Amino acid sequence: VLGSLAILLLLGVGGIVAWSQIGVMPAEPAPLAGVRENAAITVEDAEQGIVLAPADGESELGLVFVPGAKVDPWAYAAILQ
């Protein structure tokens, strides 16, 4: 019984990990290129995440956006710019 529960748990964890990595929607190239070409902002792929900042200096306001679902975080850059 204990062995069966261990196998069931292993299969469940493996299934969740596989599901989370298969079928992730990528960012569309054209909107992402528009973000990178926008002279009003700087785009940095930092260790903590994607940082969009004003090109003319620092701002005192910010937004922390935590992407969800099975979508590449870069796909949200065009909306958040």
N, C-alpha and C. Protein backbone atom coordinates (compact mmCIF):
# COMPACT_ATOMS: atom_id res chain seq x y z
N VAL A 1 0.83 -1.19 0.00
CA VAL A 1 0.00 0.00 0.00
C VAL A 1 0.87 1.25 0.00
N LEU A 2 1.90 1.24 0.85
CA LEU A 2 2.79 2.40 0.92
C LEU A 2 3.53 2.62 -0.40
N GLY A 3 3.93 1.53 -1.02
CA GLY A 3 4.61 1.62 -2.32
C GLY A 3 3.68 2.18 -3.40
N SER A 4 2.43 1.76 -3.38
CA SER A 4 1.45 2.26 -4.34
C SER A 4 1.21 3.76 -4.17
N LEU A 5 1.13 4.20 -2.91
CA LEU A 5 0.96 5.63 -2.64
C LEU A 5 2.17 6.44 -3.11
N ALA A 6 3.36 5.89 -2.92
CA ALA A 6 4.58 6.57 -3.36
C ALA A 6 4.61 6.69 -4.88
N ILE A 7 4.24 5.64 -5.57
CA ILE A 7 4.20 5.67 -7.04
C ILE A 7 3.15 6.66 -7.52
N LEU A 8 1.99 6.67 -6.88
CA LEU A 8 0.92 7.60 -7.24
C LEU A 8 1.36 9.05 -7.03
N LEU A 9 2.03 9.31 -5.93
CA LEU A 9 2.54 10.65 -5.65
C LEU A 9 3.60 11.06 -6.67
N LEU A 10 4.49 10.14 -7.02
CA LEU A 10 5.53 10.43 -8.01
C LEU A 10 4.92 10.72 -9.38
N LEU A 11 3.92 9.95 -9.77
CA LEU A 11 3.25 10.18 -11.05
C LEU A 11 2.51 11.53 -11.04
N GLY A 12 1.88 11.85 -9.92
CA GLY A 12 1.17 13.12 -9.82
C GLY A 12 2.11 14.31 -9.92
N VAL A 13 3.22 14.27 -9.21
CA VAL A 13 4.19 15.36 -9.27
C VAL A 13 4.80 15.45 -10.66
N GLY A 14 5.15 14.31 -11.24
CA GLY A 14 5.69 14.30 -12.61
C GLY A 14 4.71 14.86 -13.62
N GLY A 15 3.44 14.52 -13.46
CA GLY A 15 2.41 15.03 -14.37
C GLY A 15 2.24 16.53 -14.26
N ILE A 16 2.27 17.05 -13.05
CA ILE A 16 2.14 18.51 -12.86
C ILE A 16 3.33 19.24 -13.46
N VAL A 17 4.53 18.72 -13.24
CA VAL A 17 5.73 19.35 -13.80
C VAL A 17 5.68 19.31 -15.33
N ALA A 18 5.31 18.19 -15.90
CA ALA A 18 5.22 18.08 -17.36
C ALA A 18 4.16 19.03 -17.91
N TRP A 19 3.00 19.09 -17.27
CA TRP A 19 1.92 19.98 -17.73
C TRP A 19 2.36 21.43 -17.70
N SER A 20 3.12 21.82 -16.69
CA SER A 20 3.52 23.22 -16.55
C SER A 20 4.54 23.64 -17.60
N GLN A 21 5.23 22.69 -18.22
CA GLN A 21 6.28 23.03 -19.18
C GLN A 21 5.89 22.78 -20.63
N ILE A 22 4.84 22.03 -20.86
CA ILE A 22 4.42 21.69 -22.23
C ILE A 22 3.27 22.60 -22.63
N GLY A 23 3.37 23.19 -23.80
CA GLY A 23 2.30 24.01 -24.32
C GLY A 23 2.31 25.45 -23.82
N VAL A 24 3.46 25.97 -23.43
CA VAL A 24 3.56 27.35 -22.97
C VAL A 24 3.47 28.26 -24.19
N MET A 25 2.57 29.26 -24.12
CA MET A 25 2.37 30.19 -25.24
C MET A 25 3.53 31.19 -25.30
N PRO A 26 4.22 31.27 -26.43
CA PRO A 26 5.34 32.21 -26.54
C PRO A 26 4.85 33.63 -26.83
N ALA A 27 5.75 34.58 -26.68
CA ALA A 27 5.45 35.97 -27.03
C ALA A 27 5.44 36.11 -28.55
N GLU A 28 4.54 36.94 -29.07
CA GLU A 28 4.50 37.17 -30.51
C GLU A 28 5.66 38.08 -30.89
N PRO A 29 6.37 37.77 -31.98
CA PRO A 29 7.58 38.53 -32.34
C PRO A 29 7.33 40.01 -32.65
N ALA A 30 6.26 40.34 -33.36
CA ALA A 30 6.04 41.73 -33.78
C ALA A 30 5.78 42.66 -32.58
N PRO A 31 4.86 42.34 -31.66
CA PRO A 31 4.68 43.23 -30.51
C PRO A 31 5.93 43.32 -29.62
N LEU A 32 6.65 42.22 -29.49
CA LEU A 32 7.87 42.23 -28.68
C LEU A 32 8.94 43.11 -29.32
N ALA A 33 9.04 43.08 -30.64
CA ALA A 33 9.99 43.95 -31.34
C ALA A 33 9.61 45.42 -31.14
N GLY A 34 8.31 45.70 -31.12
CA GLY A 34 7.86 47.07 -30.87
C GLY A 34 8.26 47.57 -29.50
N VAL A 35 8.23 46.68 -28.51
CA VAL A 35 8.64 47.05 -27.15
C VAL A 35 10.13 47.36 -27.13
N ARG A 36 10.92 46.52 -27.77
CA ARG A 36 12.37 46.71 -27.77
C ARG A 36 12.78 47.96 -28.55
N GLU A 37 11.98 48.37 -29.54
CA GLU A 37 12.29 49.56 -30.35
C GLU A 37 11.73 50.85 -29.74
N ASN A 38 10.92 50.77 -28.70
CA ASN A 38 10.31 51.93 -28.08
C ASN A 38 11.39 52.76 -27.39
N ALA A 39 11.62 53.97 -27.89
CA ALA A 39 12.68 54.83 -27.34
C ALA A 39 12.30 55.43 -25.98
N ALA A 40 11.04 55.37 -25.60
CA ALA A 40 10.58 55.96 -24.34
C ALA A 40 10.88 55.08 -23.13
N ILE A 41 11.21 53.81 -23.36
CA ILE A 41 11.47 52.90 -22.25
C ILE A 41 12.77 52.13 -22.47
N THR A 42 13.33 51.64 -21.37
CA THR A 42 14.45 50.70 -21.44
C THR A 42 13.92 49.34 -21.01
N VAL A 43 14.43 48.31 -21.63
CA VAL A 43 14.00 46.96 -21.35
C VAL A 43 15.21 46.18 -20.85
N GLU A 44 15.07 45.57 -19.67
CA GLU A 44 16.17 44.80 -19.10
C GLU A 44 15.66 43.43 -18.67
N ASP A 45 16.39 42.41 -19.05
CA ASP A 45 16.06 41.05 -18.63
C ASP A 45 16.91 40.75 -17.40
N ALA A 46 16.46 41.24 -16.26
CA ALA A 46 17.20 41.09 -15.00
C ALA A 46 16.99 39.71 -14.41
N GLU A 47 17.80 39.38 -13.42
CA GLU A 47 17.68 38.08 -12.75
C GLU A 47 16.33 37.94 -12.06
N GLN A 48 15.81 39.05 -11.52
CA GLN A 48 14.54 39.01 -10.81
C GLN A 48 13.35 38.96 -11.75
N GLY A 49 13.52 39.39 -12.99
CA GLY A 49 12.44 39.40 -13.96
C GLY A 49 12.67 40.46 -15.02
N ILE A 50 11.66 40.73 -15.78
CA ILE A 50 11.73 41.73 -16.85
C ILE A 50 11.49 43.10 -16.24
N VAL A 51 12.37 44.06 -16.55
CA VAL A 51 12.23 45.40 -15.99
C VAL A 51 12.03 46.38 -17.14
N LEU A 52 10.88 47.05 -17.15
CA LEU A 52 10.59 48.12 -18.09
C LEU A 52 10.68 49.42 -17.31
N ALA A 53 11.52 50.35 -17.76
CA ALA A 53 11.72 51.60 -17.03
C ALA A 53 11.72 52.76 -18.00
N PRO A 54 11.37 53.96 -17.53
CA PRO A 54 11.41 55.14 -18.39
C PRO A 54 12.85 55.40 -18.86
N ALA A 55 13.01 55.75 -20.12
CA ALA A 55 14.35 56.00 -20.66
C ALA A 55 14.92 57.32 -20.18
N ASP A 56 14.07 58.27 -19.79
CA ASP A 56 14.55 59.59 -19.40
C ASP A 56 14.89 59.70 -17.91
N GLY A 57 14.91 58.61 -17.19
CA GLY A 57 15.28 58.64 -15.79
C GLY A 57 14.42 57.73 -14.96
N GLU A 58 14.70 57.76 -13.67
CA GLU A 58 13.96 56.88 -12.77
C GLU A 58 12.60 57.45 -12.41
N SER A 59 11.71 56.57 -12.04
CA SER A 59 10.37 56.95 -11.64
C SER A 59 10.17 56.60 -10.17
N GLU A 60 9.31 57.32 -9.50
CA GLU A 60 9.02 57.03 -8.11
C GLU A 60 7.87 56.03 -7.97
N LEU A 61 7.20 55.74 -9.05
CA LEU A 61 6.09 54.79 -9.04
C LEU A 61 6.49 53.53 -9.80
N GLY A 62 5.93 52.42 -9.41
CA GLY A 62 6.22 51.18 -10.11
C GLY A 62 5.07 50.22 -10.03
N LEU A 63 5.17 49.17 -10.78
CA LEU A 63 4.16 48.13 -10.82
C LEU A 63 4.87 46.79 -10.82
N VAL A 64 4.47 45.91 -9.94
CA VAL A 64 4.98 44.55 -9.95
C VAL A 64 3.89 43.69 -10.56
N PHE A 65 4.20 43.07 -11.67
CA PHE A 65 3.24 42.25 -12.40
C PHE A 65 3.73 40.81 -12.35
N VAL A 66 2.91 39.93 -11.83
CA VAL A 66 3.25 38.51 -11.75
C VAL A 66 2.42 37.79 -12.82
N PRO A 67 3.08 37.37 -13.91
CA PRO A 67 2.32 36.70 -14.97
C PRO A 67 1.85 35.33 -14.51
N GLY A 68 0.77 34.91 -15.07
CA GLY A 68 0.22 33.61 -14.71
C GLY A 68 -0.06 32.78 -15.93
N ALA A 69 -0.75 31.72 -15.72
CA ALA A 69 -1.16 30.79 -16.77
C ALA A 69 0.06 30.17 -17.42
N LYS A 70 -0.12 29.72 -18.63
CA LYS A 70 0.98 29.10 -19.36
C LYS A 70 1.38 30.02 -20.50
N VAL A 71 1.79 31.24 -20.13
CA VAL A 71 2.16 32.25 -21.10
C VAL A 71 3.55 32.76 -20.75
N ASP A 72 4.40 32.90 -21.77
CA ASP A 72 5.74 33.45 -21.59
C ASP A 72 5.62 34.87 -21.03
N PRO A 73 6.36 35.21 -19.98
CA PRO A 73 6.26 36.55 -19.40
C PRO A 73 6.54 37.68 -20.41
N TRP A 74 7.36 37.42 -21.41
CA TRP A 74 7.65 38.44 -22.43
C TRP A 74 6.40 38.80 -23.23
N ALA A 75 5.40 37.94 -23.26
CA ALA A 75 4.17 38.22 -24.01
C ALA A 75 3.40 39.39 -23.41
N TYR A 76 3.62 39.70 -22.14
CA TYR A 76 2.92 40.81 -21.48
C TYR A 76 3.63 42.14 -21.67
N ALA A 77 4.85 42.15 -22.18
CA ALA A 77 5.64 43.38 -22.29
C ALA A 77 4.95 44.44 -23.15
N ALA A 78 4.33 44.04 -24.24
CA ALA A 78 3.66 45.00 -25.12
C ALA A 78 2.49 45.70 -24.42
N ILE A 79 1.79 44.98 -23.58
CA ILE A 79 0.66 45.57 -22.85
C ILE A 79 1.15 46.48 -21.74
N LEU A 80 2.23 46.12 -21.10
CA LEU A 80 2.72 46.87 -19.95
C LEU A 80 3.61 48.06 -20.29
N GLN A 81 4.01 48.18 -21.55
CA GLN A 81 4.90 49.29 -21.90
C GLN A 81 4.18 50.61 -21.78
